[in-house]
Amino acid sequence: MTFVILSGIVSLVLVYFLSRSSSPLVILDRPNERSLHSKPISRTGGLGILAGIVVSGLLLISRQGYPEYLVSIFAGVMLIAVVSLVDDKRGVSVRYRLLAHTLAAVVLMSNGFYILNLETPFFVLELYPWLAYVFTFVLILWSINLFNFMDGMDGFAGGMAFIGFSVFAVLGLLKGASVYAVLAAIIACANGTFLLFNFPPARIFMGDTGSSVLGFLMAVMMIWADSKGIFPLWIGILVFSPFILDASLTLLRRAFNGEKIWLAHRDYGIWHYAGVCGSGAVFRLFYQSTCPIRRVYCIIFVLFTHVLLFISLSKAAGKRC
């Protein structure tokens, strides 16, 4: 619990400092045609989130006797954080960002983080070793960039991270995976304090430094849980489903329209209404919207989440019996 509280305090102090225009570390995100904000806002909030996670994480590593798997996680975190900070400051080409993300994925996978069996609510698919590595590699890179793509709406990325990692912490505790639960709680708490400054109207954004690191950690925690039997991958995807589905649908639509999907954008799908505001907002959107496609999205979301929730609860009840 001490590590979790420390993470929140460090994040709170630094994010407050970084949200002030007088801070020497401020990097302003100036509005353009792709932005959702109308005035320059600091985008260094990710440094506060990162500091909270790293300070508490390093203490956790020390307490556990420096296990290689934890060291590999934070080695990947720092590698991604450095290239992302440079990208926030002056921009980094796609090839160099991809190289850093690839190195982080390789470091992680070399320490046993990969998906060998793809479990679904209905069947288990055993993957060939080479396919397991490829699938895990793609999952890590996609997760890193998913958060990066969706960090453009006040409270969206931070809110999803707070909720998602909090659920991971609870699931870890239920399975007796204390180290897993503590690390997930550390990440959630760092995001919770950041949210105090990121709720609409946002005073600060997390930027690439925060979003890329959180995307990497999302993949890490899902792979870790699956490989150690804490919970299967599909549960992790379900937890972050509003975020994952929104990003996937948005990027597919942008690719179909011939847009450059690696650029920032202001086009978000239906799913953020549930990710931030809950299912009630989806029903309100259904009745208020005049767009038939958006209404279909609402229906799909409600059916999707309720069916998978029923399956997951039934599965959990069956295991307890």
C-alpha atoms as a PDB file:
ATOM      1  CA  MET A   1       0.000   0.000   0.000  1.00  0.00           C
ATOM      2  CA  THR A   2       2.917   2.340   0.734  1.00  0.00           C
ATOM      3  CA  PHE A   3       4.190   2.016  -2.838  1.00  0.00           C
ATOM      4  CA  VAL A   4       0.738   2.794  -4.214  1.00  0.00           C
ATOM      5  CA  ILE A   5       0.302   5.926  -2.086  1.00  0.00           C
ATOM      6  CA  LEU A   6       3.818   7.090  -2.959  1.00  0.00           C
ATOM      7  CA  SER A   7       3.029   6.715  -6.662  1.00  0.00           C
ATOM      8  CA  GLY A   8       0.000   8.974  -6.296  1.00  0.00           C
ATOM      9  CA  ILE A   9       1.876  11.608  -4.269  1.00  0.00           C
ATOM     10  CA  VAL A  10       4.826  11.798  -6.686  1.00  0.00           C
ATOM     11  CA  SER A  11       2.490  11.999  -9.671  1.00  0.00           C
ATOM     12  CA  LEU A  12       0.289  14.631  -8.000  1.00  0.00           C
ATOM     13  CA  VAL A  13       3.190  16.934  -7.107  1.00  0.00           C
ATOM     14  CA  LEU A  14       4.881  16.697 -10.501  1.00  0.00           C
ATOM     15  CA  VAL A  15       1.715  17.001 -12.589  1.00  0.00           C
ATOM     16  CA  TYR A  16       0.708  20.077 -10.597  1.00  0.00           C
ATOM     17  CA  PHE A  17       4.157  21.579 -11.189  1.00  0.00           C
ATOM     18  CA  LEU A  18       4.113  20.682 -14.893  1.00  0.00           C
ATOM     19  CA  SER A  19       0.611  22.105 -15.390  1.00  0.00           C
ATOM     20  CA  ARG A  20       1.820  25.584 -14.449  1.00  0.00           C
ATOM     21  CA  SER A  21       2.816  27.794 -17.369  1.00  0.00           C
ATOM     22  CA  SER A  22       5.855  28.992 -15.425  1.00  0.00           C
ATOM     23  CA  SER A  23       7.329  25.482 -15.238  1.00  0.00           C
ATOM     24  CA  PRO A  24      10.634  25.203 -17.145  1.00  0.00           C
ATOM     25  CA  LEU A  25       9.679  21.700 -18.271  1.00  0.00           C
ATOM     26  CA  VAL A  26       6.457  22.749 -20.004  1.00  0.00           C
ATOM     27  CA  ILE A  27       6.052  21.668 -23.637  1.00  0.00           C
ATOM     28  CA  LEU A  28       2.974  23.329 -25.067  1.00  0.00           C
ATOM     29  CA  ASP A  29       0.533  21.512 -27.318  1.00  0.00           C
ATOM     30  CA  ARG A  30      -0.673  24.284 -29.598  1.00  0.00           C
ATOM     31  CA  PRO A  31      -4.127  23.774 -31.158  1.00  0.00           C
ATOM     32  CA  ASN A  32      -4.459  23.017 -34.857  1.00  0.00           C
ATOM     33  CA  GLU A  33      -7.105  21.647 -37.210  1.00  0.00           C
ATOM     34  CA  ARG A  34      -6.748  18.164 -35.672  1.00  0.00           C
ATOM     35  CA  SER A  35      -7.018  19.325 -32.048  1.00  0.00           C
ATOM     36  CA  LEU A  36      -9.983  19.218 -29.695  1.00  0.00           C
ATOM     37  CA  HIS A  37      -8.661  22.067 -27.515  1.00  0.00           C
ATOM     38  CA  SER A  38      -8.677  25.764 -28.411  1.00  0.00           C
ATOM     39  CA  LYS A  39      -5.705  27.116 -26.435  1.00  0.00           C
ATOM     40  CA  PRO A  40      -2.102  25.969 -25.803  1.00  0.00           C
ATOM     41  CA  ILE A  41      -1.910  23.326 -23.059  1.00  0.00           C
ATOM     42  CA  SER A  42       1.093  21.600 -21.520  1.00  0.00           C
ATOM     43  CA  ARG A  43       1.606  18.041 -22.763  1.00  0.00           C
ATOM     44  CA  THR A  44       4.202  16.936 -20.209  1.00  0.00           C
ATOM     45  CA  GLY A  45       1.759  15.340 -17.775  1.00  0.00           C
ATOM     46  CA  GLY A  46       3.178  11.980 -18.787  1.00  0.00           C
ATOM     47  CA  LEU A  47       6.371  12.879 -16.932  1.00  0.00           C
ATOM     48  CA  GLY A  48       4.387  13.065 -13.711  1.00  0.00           C
ATOM     49  CA  ILE A  49       2.690   9.729 -14.382  1.00  0.00           C
ATOM     50  CA  LEU A  50       6.026   8.186 -15.349  1.00  0.00           C
ATOM     51  CA  ALA A  51       7.771   9.502 -12.227  1.00  0.00           C
ATOM     52  CA  GLY A  52       5.111   8.077  -9.927  1.00  0.00           C
ATOM     53  CA  ILE A  53       5.262   4.666 -11.616  1.00  0.00           C
ATOM     54  CA  VAL A  54       9.066   4.526 -11.814  1.00  0.00           C
ATOM     55  CA  VAL A  55       9.789   5.679  -8.238  1.00  0.00           C
ATOM     56  CA  SER A  56       7.339   3.203  -6.711  1.00  0.00           C
ATOM     57  CA  GLY A  57       8.232   0.526  -9.268  1.00  0.00           C
ATOM     58  CA  LEU A  58      11.937   0.685  -8.475  1.00  0.00           C
ATOM     59  CA  LEU A  59      11.187   0.351  -4.770  1.00  0.00           C
ATOM     60  CA  LEU A  60       9.009  -2.668  -5.573  1.00  0.00           C
ATOM     61  CA  ILE A  61      11.837  -4.191  -7.630  1.00  0.00           C
ATOM     62  CA  SER A  62      14.254  -3.642  -4.736  1.00  0.00           C
ATOM     63  CA  ARG A  63      11.819  -5.216  -2.268  1.00  0.00           C
ATOM     64  CA  GLN A  64      11.476  -8.277  -4.525  1.00  0.00           C
ATOM     65  CA  GLY A  65      15.257  -8.743  -4.924  1.00  0.00           C
ATOM     66  CA  TYR A  66      15.611  -7.373  -8.481  1.00  0.00           C
ATOM     67  CA  PRO A  67      13.868 -10.182 -10.416  1.00  0.00           C
ATOM     68  CA  GLU A  68      14.713 -10.135 -14.118  1.00  0.00           C
ATOM     69  CA  TYR A  69      11.110 -10.025 -15.282  1.00  0.00           C
ATOM     70  CA  LEU A  70      10.414  -6.805 -13.357  1.00  0.00           C
ATOM     71  CA  VAL A  71      13.706  -5.270 -14.457  1.00  0.00           C
ATOM     72  CA  SER A  72      12.816  -6.026 -18.096  1.00  0.00           C
ATOM     73  CA  ILE A  73       9.453  -4.272 -17.689  1.00  0.00           C
ATOM     74  CA  PHE A  74      11.030  -1.058 -16.440  1.00  0.00           C
ATOM     75  CA  ALA A  75      13.858  -1.257 -18.962  1.00  0.00           C
ATOM     76  CA  GLY A  76      11.186  -1.221 -21.660  1.00  0.00           C
ATOM     77  CA  VAL A  77       9.338   1.602 -19.897  1.00  0.00           C
ATOM     78  CA  MET A  78      12.442   3.817 -19.795  1.00  0.00           C
ATOM     79  CA  LEU A  79      13.365   3.065 -23.402  1.00  0.00           C
ATOM     80  CA  ILE A  80       9.908   4.083 -24.605  1.00  0.00           C
ATOM     81  CA  ALA A  81       9.781   7.084 -22.258  1.00  0.00           C
ATOM     82  CA  VAL A  82      13.059   8.552 -23.534  1.00  0.00           C
ATOM     83  CA  VAL A  83      12.165   8.401 -27.234  1.00  0.00           C
ATOM     84  CA  SER A  84       8.629   9.649 -26.476  1.00  0.00           C
ATOM     85  CA  LEU A  85       9.913  12.624 -24.487  1.00  0.00           C
ATOM     86  CA  VAL A  86      12.188  13.607 -27.362  1.00  0.00           C
ATOM     87  CA  ASP A  87       9.198  13.215 -29.676  1.00  0.00           C
ATOM     88  CA  ASP A  88       7.139  15.556 -27.468  1.00  0.00           C
ATOM     89  CA  LYS A  89       9.947  18.101 -27.453  1.00  0.00           C
ATOM     90  CA  ARG A  90      11.078  18.232 -31.074  1.00  0.00           C
ATOM     91  CA  GLY A  91       9.575  15.289 -32.953  1.00  0.00           C
ATOM     92  CA  VAL A  92      11.013  11.890 -33.842  1.00  0.00           C
ATOM     93  CA  SER A  93      10.550  10.097 -37.147  1.00  0.00           C
ATOM     94  CA  VAL A  94       8.286   7.069 -37.257  1.00  0.00           C
ATOM     95  CA  ARG A  95      11.188   4.699 -37.975  1.00  0.00           C
ATOM     96  CA  TYR A  96      13.083   5.648 -34.802  1.00  0.00           C
ATOM     97  CA  ARG A  97       9.986   5.423 -32.645  1.00  0.00           C
ATOM     98  CA  LEU A  98       9.244   2.012 -34.133  1.00  0.00           C
ATOM     99  CA  LEU A  99      12.825   0.925 -33.445  1.00  0.00           C
ATOM    100  CA  ALA A 100      12.529   1.908 -29.769  1.00  0.00           C
ATOM    101  CA  HIS A 101       9.173   0.152 -29.453  1.00  0.00           C
ATOM    102  CA  THR A 102      10.628  -2.952 -31.096  1.00  0.00           C
ATOM    103  CA  LEU A 103      13.598  -3.040 -28.709  1.00  0.00           C
ATOM    104  CA  ALA A 104      11.277  -2.685 -25.716  1.00  0.00           C
ATOM    105  CA  ALA A 105       9.133  -5.563 -26.995  1.00  0.00           C
ATOM    106  CA  VAL A 106      12.181  -7.782 -27.586  1.00  0.00           C
ATOM    107  CA  VAL A 107      13.555  -7.082 -24.089  1.00  0.00           C
ATOM    108  CA  LEU A 108      10.193  -7.978 -22.573  1.00  0.00           C
ATOM    109  CA  MET A 109       9.664 -11.128 -24.649  1.00  0.00           C
ATOM    110  CA  SER A 110      13.196 -12.371 -23.910  1.00  0.00           C
ATOM    111  CA  ASN A 111      12.158 -12.591 -20.249  1.00  0.00           C
ATOM    112  CA  GLY A 112       9.196 -14.891 -20.820  1.00  0.00           C
ATOM    113  CA  PHE A 113       6.437 -12.414 -21.646  1.00  0.00           C
ATOM    114  CA  TYR A 114       4.569 -13.976 -24.549  1.00  0.00           C
ATOM    115  CA  ILE A 115       1.219 -15.614 -25.303  1.00  0.00           C
ATOM    116  CA  LEU A 116       1.528 -19.359 -25.926  1.00  0.00           C
ATOM    117  CA  ASN A 117      -2.162 -20.275 -25.837  1.00  0.00           C
ATOM    118  CA  LEU A 118      -4.903 -18.010 -27.121  1.00  0.00           C
ATOM    119  CA  GLU A 119      -7.825 -18.644 -24.782  1.00  0.00           C
ATOM    120  CA  THR A 120     -11.333 -17.462 -25.635  1.00  0.00           C
ATOM    121  CA  PRO A 121     -14.598 -17.990 -23.725  1.00  0.00           C
ATOM    122  CA  PHE A 122     -15.375 -20.881 -26.093  1.00  0.00           C
ATOM    123  CA  PHE A 123     -12.078 -22.593 -26.968  1.00  0.00           C
ATOM    124  CA  VAL A 124      -8.310 -22.545 -26.477  1.00  0.00           C
ATOM    125  CA  LEU A 125      -6.023 -22.187 -29.488  1.00  0.00           C
ATOM    126  CA  GLU A 126      -2.465 -23.434 -28.993  1.00  0.00           C
ATOM    127  CA  LEU A 127      -0.055 -21.259 -30.963  1.00  0.00           C
ATOM    128  CA  TYR A 128       3.089 -22.444 -32.708  1.00  0.00           C
ATOM    129  CA  PRO A 129       6.183 -20.936 -31.003  1.00  0.00           C
ATOM    130  CA  TRP A 130       6.953 -18.620 -33.928  1.00  0.00           C
ATOM    131  CA  LEU A 131       3.319 -17.522 -34.110  1.00  0.00           C
ATOM    132  CA  ALA A 132       3.267 -16.903 -30.351  1.00  0.00           C
ATOM    133  CA  TYR A 133       6.230 -14.534 -30.683  1.00  0.00           C
ATOM    134  CA  VAL A 134       4.734 -12.734 -33.677  1.00  0.00           C
ATOM    135  CA  PHE A 135       1.328 -12.381 -32.004  1.00  0.00           C
ATOM    136  CA  THR A 136       2.862 -11.065 -28.777  1.00  0.00           C
ATOM    137  CA  PHE A 137       5.110  -8.656 -30.675  1.00  0.00           C
ATOM    138  CA  VAL A 138       2.181  -7.218 -32.634  1.00  0.00           C
ATOM    139  CA  LEU A 139       0.086  -6.969 -29.455  1.00  0.00           C
ATOM    140  CA  ILE A 140       2.789  -4.939 -27.699  1.00  0.00           C
ATOM    141  CA  LEU A 141       3.338  -2.540 -30.595  1.00  0.00           C
ATOM    142  CA  TRP A 142      -0.377  -2.108 -31.183  1.00  0.00           C
ATOM    143  CA  SER A 143      -0.996  -1.371 -27.494  1.00  0.00           C
ATOM    144  CA  ILE A 144       1.756   1.263 -27.387  1.00  0.00           C
ATOM    145  CA  ASN A 145       0.348   3.096 -30.378  1.00  0.00           C
ATOM    146  CA  LEU A 146      -3.282   2.599 -29.343  1.00  0.00           C
ATOM    147  CA  PHE A 147      -2.866   4.820 -26.286  1.00  0.00           C
ATOM    148  CA  ASN A 148      -0.888   7.303 -28.327  1.00  0.00           C
ATOM    149  CA  PHE A 149      -3.674   7.564 -30.925  1.00  0.00           C
ATOM    150  CA  MET A 150      -6.396   8.077 -28.322  1.00  0.00           C
ATOM    151  CA  ASP A 151      -4.683  10.691 -26.145  1.00  0.00           C
ATOM    152  CA  GLY A 152      -6.559  13.639 -27.599  1.00  0.00           C
ATOM    153  CA  MET A 153      -9.700  13.977 -25.503  1.00  0.00           C
ATOM    154  CA  ASP A 154      -9.864  15.425 -21.996  1.00  0.00           C
ATOM    155  CA  GLY A 155      -9.933  12.645 -19.417  1.00  0.00           C
ATOM    156  CA  PHE A 156     -10.249   9.817 -21.957  1.00  0.00           C
ATOM    157  CA  ALA A 157      -6.841   8.079 -21.934  1.00  0.00           C
ATOM    158  CA  GLY A 158      -6.197   8.848 -18.271  1.00  0.00           C
ATOM    159  CA  GLY A 159      -9.684   7.736 -17.254  1.00  0.00           C
ATOM    160  CA  MET A 160      -9.456   4.474 -19.163  1.00  0.00           C
ATOM    161  CA  ALA A 161      -6.017   3.788 -17.678  1.00  0.00           C
ATOM    162  CA  PHE A 162      -7.234   4.481 -14.139  1.00  0.00           C
ATOM    163  CA  ILE A 163     -10.252   2.201 -14.518  1.00  0.00           C
ATOM    164  CA  GLY A 164      -8.446  -0.529 -16.445  1.00  0.00           C
ATOM    165  CA  PHE A 165      -5.396  -0.869 -14.211  1.00  0.00           C
ATOM    166  CA  SER A 166      -7.584  -0.663 -11.100  1.00  0.00           C
ATOM    167  CA  VAL A 167      -9.558  -3.669 -12.380  1.00  0.00           C
ATOM    168  CA  PHE A 168      -6.273  -5.482 -13.087  1.00  0.00           C
ATOM    169  CA  ALA A 169      -5.191  -4.813  -9.485  1.00  0.00           C
ATOM    170  CA  VAL A 170      -8.429  -6.272  -8.103  1.00  0.00           C
ATOM    171  CA  LEU A 171      -8.183  -9.342 -10.344  1.00  0.00           C
ATOM    172  CA  GLY A 172      -4.585  -9.856  -9.228  1.00  0.00           C
ATOM    173  CA  LEU A 173      -5.582  -9.681  -5.577  1.00  0.00           C
ATOM    174  CA  LEU A 174      -8.383 -12.205  -6.119  1.00  0.00           C
ATOM    175  CA  LYS A 175      -5.865 -14.659  -7.586  1.00  0.00           C
ATOM    176  CA  GLY A 176      -3.258 -14.024  -4.878  1.00  0.00           C
ATOM    177  CA  ALA A 177      -0.780 -12.445  -7.320  1.00  0.00           C
ATOM    178  CA  SER A 178       0.427  -9.751  -4.933  1.00  0.00           C
ATOM    179  CA  VAL A 179       3.295  -8.317  -7.009  1.00  0.00           C
ATOM    180  CA  TYR A 180       1.059  -8.084 -10.059  1.00  0.00           C
ATOM    181  CA  ALA A 181      -1.698  -6.407  -8.051  1.00  0.00           C
ATOM    182  CA  VAL A 182       0.666  -3.874  -6.466  1.00  0.00           C
ATOM    183  CA  LEU A 183       2.196  -2.862  -9.800  1.00  0.00           C
ATOM    184  CA  ALA A 184      -1.248  -2.468 -11.392  1.00  0.00           C
ATOM    185  CA  ALA A 185      -2.372  -0.366  -8.403  1.00  0.00           C
ATOM    186  CA  ILE A 186       0.770   1.796  -8.695  1.00  0.00           C
ATOM    187  CA  ILE A 187      -0.042   2.531 -12.346  1.00  0.00           C
ATOM    188  CA  ALA A 188      -3.709   3.204 -11.554  1.00  0.00           C
ATOM    189  CA  CYS A 189      -2.902   5.580  -8.687  1.00  0.00           C
ATOM    190  CA  ALA A 190      -0.427   7.600 -10.777  1.00  0.00           C
ATOM    191  CA  ASN A 191      -3.162   8.027 -13.386  1.00  0.00           C
ATOM    192  CA  GLY A 192      -5.788   8.870 -10.779  1.00  0.00           C
ATOM    193  CA  THR A 193      -3.888  11.917  -9.568  1.00  0.00           C
ATOM    194  CA  PHE A 194      -3.109  12.966 -13.144  1.00  0.00           C
ATOM    195  CA  LEU A 195      -6.853  12.902 -13.858  1.00  0.00           C
ATOM    196  CA  LEU A 196      -7.405  15.695 -11.332  1.00  0.00           C
ATOM    197  CA  PHE A 197      -5.729  17.998 -13.866  1.00  0.00           C
ATOM    198  CA  ASN A 198      -6.912  16.270 -17.038  1.00  0.00           C
ATOM    199  CA  PHE A 199     -10.683  16.247 -16.589  1.00  0.00           C
ATOM    200  CA  PRO A 200     -12.510  18.691 -18.880  1.00  0.00           C
ATOM    201  CA  PRO A 201     -11.420  21.384 -19.256  1.00  0.00           C
ATOM    202  CA  ALA A 202      -7.958  19.853 -19.153  1.00  0.00           C
ATOM    203  CA  ARG A 203      -5.079  21.824 -17.658  1.00  0.00           C
ATOM    204  CA  ILE A 204      -2.503  19.348 -18.934  1.00  0.00           C
ATOM    205  CA  PHE A 205      -2.183  16.399 -21.346  1.00  0.00           C
ATOM    206  CA  MET A 206      -0.083  13.274 -20.856  1.00  0.00           C
ATOM    207  CA  GLY A 207       1.610  13.573 -24.263  1.00  0.00           C
ATOM    208  CA  ASP A 208       3.513  10.775 -25.996  1.00  0.00           C
ATOM    209  CA  THR A 209       5.612  10.179 -22.885  1.00  0.00           C
ATOM    210  CA  GLY A 210       2.593   9.151 -20.862  1.00  0.00           C
ATOM    211  CA  SER A 211       0.429   7.557 -23.526  1.00  0.00           C
ATOM    212  CA  SER A 212       3.150   5.356 -25.045  1.00  0.00           C
ATOM    213  CA  VAL A 213       4.339   4.138 -21.641  1.00  0.00           C
ATOM    214  CA  LEU A 214       0.782   3.343 -20.544  1.00  0.00           C
ATOM    215  CA  GLY A 215       0.116   1.461 -23.775  1.00  0.00           C
ATOM    216  CA  PHE A 216       3.243  -0.614 -23.194  1.00  0.00           C
ATOM    217  CA  LEU A 217       2.213  -1.313 -19.595  1.00  0.00           C
ATOM    218  CA  MET A 218      -1.288  -2.310 -20.695  1.00  0.00           C
ATOM    219  CA  ALA A 219       0.225  -4.958 -22.961  1.00  0.00           C
ATOM    220  CA  VAL A 220       2.662  -6.030 -20.225  1.00  0.00           C
ATOM    221  CA  MET A 221      -0.066  -6.559 -17.647  1.00  0.00           C
ATOM    222  CA  MET A 222      -2.316  -8.474 -20.043  1.00  0.00           C
ATOM    223  CA  ILE A 223       0.507 -10.754 -21.199  1.00  0.00           C
ATOM    224  CA  TRP A 224       1.759 -11.250 -17.639  1.00  0.00           C
ATOM    225  CA  ALA A 225      -1.738 -12.179 -16.435  1.00  0.00           C
ATOM    226  CA  ASP A 226      -2.282 -14.620 -19.302  1.00  0.00           C
ATOM    227  CA  SER A 227       1.110 -16.340 -19.063  1.00  0.00           C
ATOM    228  CA  LYS A 228       0.884 -16.771 -15.262  1.00  0.00           C
ATOM    229  CA  GLY A 229      -2.755 -17.875 -15.148  1.00  0.00           C
ATOM    230  CA  ILE A 230      -4.052 -14.768 -13.358  1.00  0.00           C
ATOM    231  CA  PHE A 231      -6.681 -14.208 -16.034  1.00  0.00           C
ATOM    232  CA  PRO A 232      -6.784 -14.894 -19.791  1.00  0.00           C
ATOM    233  CA  LEU A 233      -5.944 -12.310 -22.427  1.00  0.00           C
ATOM    234  CA  TRP A 234      -9.559 -11.878 -23.497  1.00  0.00           C
ATOM    235  CA  ILE A 235     -10.484 -10.627 -20.015  1.00  0.00           C
ATOM    236  CA  GLY A 236      -7.814  -7.951 -20.286  1.00  0.00           C
ATOM    237  CA  ILE A 237      -9.113  -6.946 -23.696  1.00  0.00           C
ATOM    238  CA  LEU A 238     -12.655  -6.828 -22.287  1.00  0.00           C
ATOM    239  CA  VAL A 239     -11.538  -4.484 -19.502  1.00  0.00           C
ATOM    240  CA  PHE A 240     -10.072  -2.039 -22.035  1.00  0.00           C
ATOM    241  CA  SER A 241     -12.709  -2.775 -24.705  1.00  0.00           C
ATOM    242  CA  PRO A 242     -14.168   0.770 -24.941  1.00  0.00           C
ATOM    243  CA  PHE A 243     -10.673   2.063 -25.667  1.00  0.00           C
ATOM    244  CA  ILE A 244      -9.528  -0.758 -27.953  1.00  0.00           C
ATOM    245  CA  LEU A 245     -12.706  -0.817 -30.033  1.00  0.00           C
ATOM    246  CA  ASP A 246     -12.799   2.963 -30.368  1.00  0.00           C
ATOM    247  CA  ALA A 247      -9.197   3.074 -31.589  1.00  0.00           C
ATOM    248  CA  SER A 248      -9.602   0.122 -33.928  1.00  0.00           C
ATOM    249  CA  LEU A 249     -12.774   1.409 -35.570  1.00  0.00           C
ATOM    250  CA  THR A 250     -11.400   4.941 -35.844  1.00  0.00           C
ATOM    251  CA  LEU A 251      -8.102   3.852 -37.395  1.00  0.00           C
ATOM    252  CA  LEU A 252      -9.755   1.462 -39.813  1.00  0.00           C
ATOM    253  CA  ARG A 253     -12.115   4.207 -40.923  1.00  0.00           C
ATOM    254  CA  ARG A 254      -9.256   6.671 -41.355  1.00  0.00           C
ATOM    255  CA  ALA A 255      -7.195   4.117 -43.293  1.00  0.00           C
ATOM    256  CA  PHE A 256     -10.180   3.392 -45.545  1.00  0.00           C
ATOM    257  CA  ASN A 257     -10.503   7.123 -46.219  1.00  0.00           C
ATOM    258  CA  GLY A 258      -6.836   7.334 -47.190  1.00  0.00           C
ATOM    259  CA  GLU A 259      -5.766   9.386 -44.149  1.00  0.00           C
ATOM    260  CA  LYS A 260      -2.385   9.087 -42.434  1.00  0.00           C
ATOM    261  CA  ILE A 261      -3.272   7.071 -39.370  1.00  0.00           C
ATOM    262  CA  TRP A 262      -0.026   7.903 -37.511  1.00  0.00           C
ATOM    263  CA  LEU A 263      -0.962  11.602 -37.314  1.00  0.00           C
ATOM    264  CA  ALA A 264      -2.955  13.145 -34.473  1.00  0.00           C
ATOM    265  CA  HIS A 265      -6.695  13.450 -35.072  1.00  0.00           C
ATOM    266  CA  ARG A 266      -9.939  14.630 -33.532  1.00  0.00           C
ATOM    267  CA  ASP A 267     -12.164  11.833 -34.882  1.00  0.00           C
ATOM    268  CA  TYR A 268     -13.293   9.479 -32.118  1.00  0.00           C
ATOM    269  CA  GLY A 269     -15.915   6.765 -32.199  1.00  0.00           C
ATOM    270  CA  ILE A 270     -18.870   5.918 -30.026  1.00  0.00           C
ATOM    271  CA  TRP A 271     -16.933   3.877 -27.488  1.00  0.00           C
ATOM    272  CA  HIS A 272     -15.465   6.748 -25.457  1.00  0.00           C
ATOM    273  CA  TYR A 273     -18.957   7.575 -24.199  1.00  0.00           C
ATOM    274  CA  ALA A 274     -18.993   4.321 -22.276  1.00  0.00           C
ATOM    275  CA  GLY A 275     -15.314   4.384 -21.384  1.00  0.00           C
ATOM    276  CA  VAL A 276     -15.659   7.730 -19.611  1.00  0.00           C
ATOM    277  CA  CYS A 277     -19.341   8.287 -18.856  1.00  0.00           C
ATOM    278  CA  GLY A 278     -20.770   4.790 -18.506  1.00  0.00           C
ATOM    279  CA  SER A 279     -23.491   2.866 -20.317  1.00  0.00           C
ATOM    280  CA  GLY A 280     -26.125   5.480 -19.493  1.00  0.00           C
ATOM    281  CA  ALA A 281     -24.379   7.892 -21.838  1.00  0.00           C
ATOM    282  CA  VAL A 282     -24.614   5.326 -24.612  1.00  0.00           C
ATOM    283  CA  PHE A 283     -28.383   5.092 -24.207  1.00  0.00           C
ATOM    284  CA  ARG A 284     -28.674   8.889 -24.197  1.00  0.00           C
ATOM    285  CA  LEU A 285     -26.577   9.069 -27.333  1.00  0.00           C
ATOM    286  CA  PHE A 286     -28.811   6.440 -28.964  1.00  0.00           C
ATOM    287  CA  TYR A 287     -31.976   8.449 -28.401  1.00  0.00           C
ATOM    288  CA  GLN A 288     -30.412  11.827 -29.215  1.00  0.00           C
ATOM    289  CA  SER A 289     -28.510  10.797 -32.329  1.00  0.00           C
ATOM    290  CA  THR A 290     -30.021  11.182 -35.794  1.00  0.00           C
ATOM    291  CA  CYS A 291     -27.231   9.153 -37.411  1.00  0.00           C
ATOM    292  CA  PRO A 292     -28.324   5.528 -38.030  1.00  0.00           C
ATOM    293  CA  ILE A 293     -24.718   4.263 -38.050  1.00  0.00           C
ATOM    294  CA  ARG A 294     -24.073   5.752 -34.617  1.00  0.00           C
ATOM    295  CA  ARG A 295     -27.262   4.147 -33.318  1.00  0.00           C
ATOM    296  CA  VAL A 296     -26.063   0.791 -34.624  1.00  0.00           C
ATOM    297  CA  TYR A 297     -22.766   1.354 -32.764  1.00  0.00           C
ATOM    298  CA  CYS A 298     -24.746   1.962 -29.564  1.00  0.00           C
ATOM    299  CA  ILE A 299     -26.671  -1.295 -29.957  1.00  0.00           C
ATOM    300  CA  ILE A 300     -23.501  -3.260 -30.762  1.00  0.00           C
ATOM    301  CA  PHE A 301     -21.731  -1.824 -27.731  1.00  0.00           C
ATOM    302  CA  VAL A 302     -24.524  -2.709 -25.303  1.00  0.00           C
ATOM    303  CA  LEU A 303     -24.862  -6.245 -26.674  1.00  0.00           C
ATOM    304  CA  PHE A 304     -21.107  -6.781 -26.809  1.00  0.00           C
ATOM    305  CA  THR A 305     -20.346  -5.676 -23.261  1.00  0.00           C
ATOM    306  CA  HIS A 306     -23.307  -7.410 -21.638  1.00  0.00           C
ATOM    307  CA  VAL A 307     -22.751 -10.724 -23.415  1.00  0.00           C
ATOM    308  CA  LEU A 308     -19.048 -10.797 -22.552  1.00  0.00           C
ATOM    309  CA  LEU A 309     -19.737  -9.707 -18.982  1.00  0.00           C
ATOM    310  CA  PHE A 310     -22.233 -12.568 -18.602  1.00  0.00           C
ATOM    311  CA  ILE A 311     -19.706 -15.028 -20.025  1.00  0.00           C
ATOM    312  CA  SER A 312     -16.899 -13.835 -17.761  1.00  0.00           C
ATOM    313  CA  LEU A 313     -19.087 -13.977 -14.633  1.00  0.00           C
ATOM    314  CA  SER A 314     -20.358 -17.439 -15.557  1.00  0.00           C
ATOM    315  CA  LYS A 315     -16.806 -18.636 -16.145  1.00  0.00           C
ATOM    316  CA  ALA A 316     -15.639 -17.245 -12.805  1.00  0.00           C
ATOM    317  CA  ALA A 317     -18.600 -18.826 -10.989  1.00  0.00           C
ATOM    318  CA  GLY A 318     -17.871 -22.175 -12.607  1.00  0.00           C
ATOM    319  CA  LYS A 319     -14.246 -22.120 -11.437  1.00  0.00           C
ATOM    320  CA  ARG A 320     -15.271 -21.335  -7.835  1.00  0.00           C
ATOM    321  CA  CYS A 321     -17.633 -24.314  -7.882  1.00  0.00           C
END
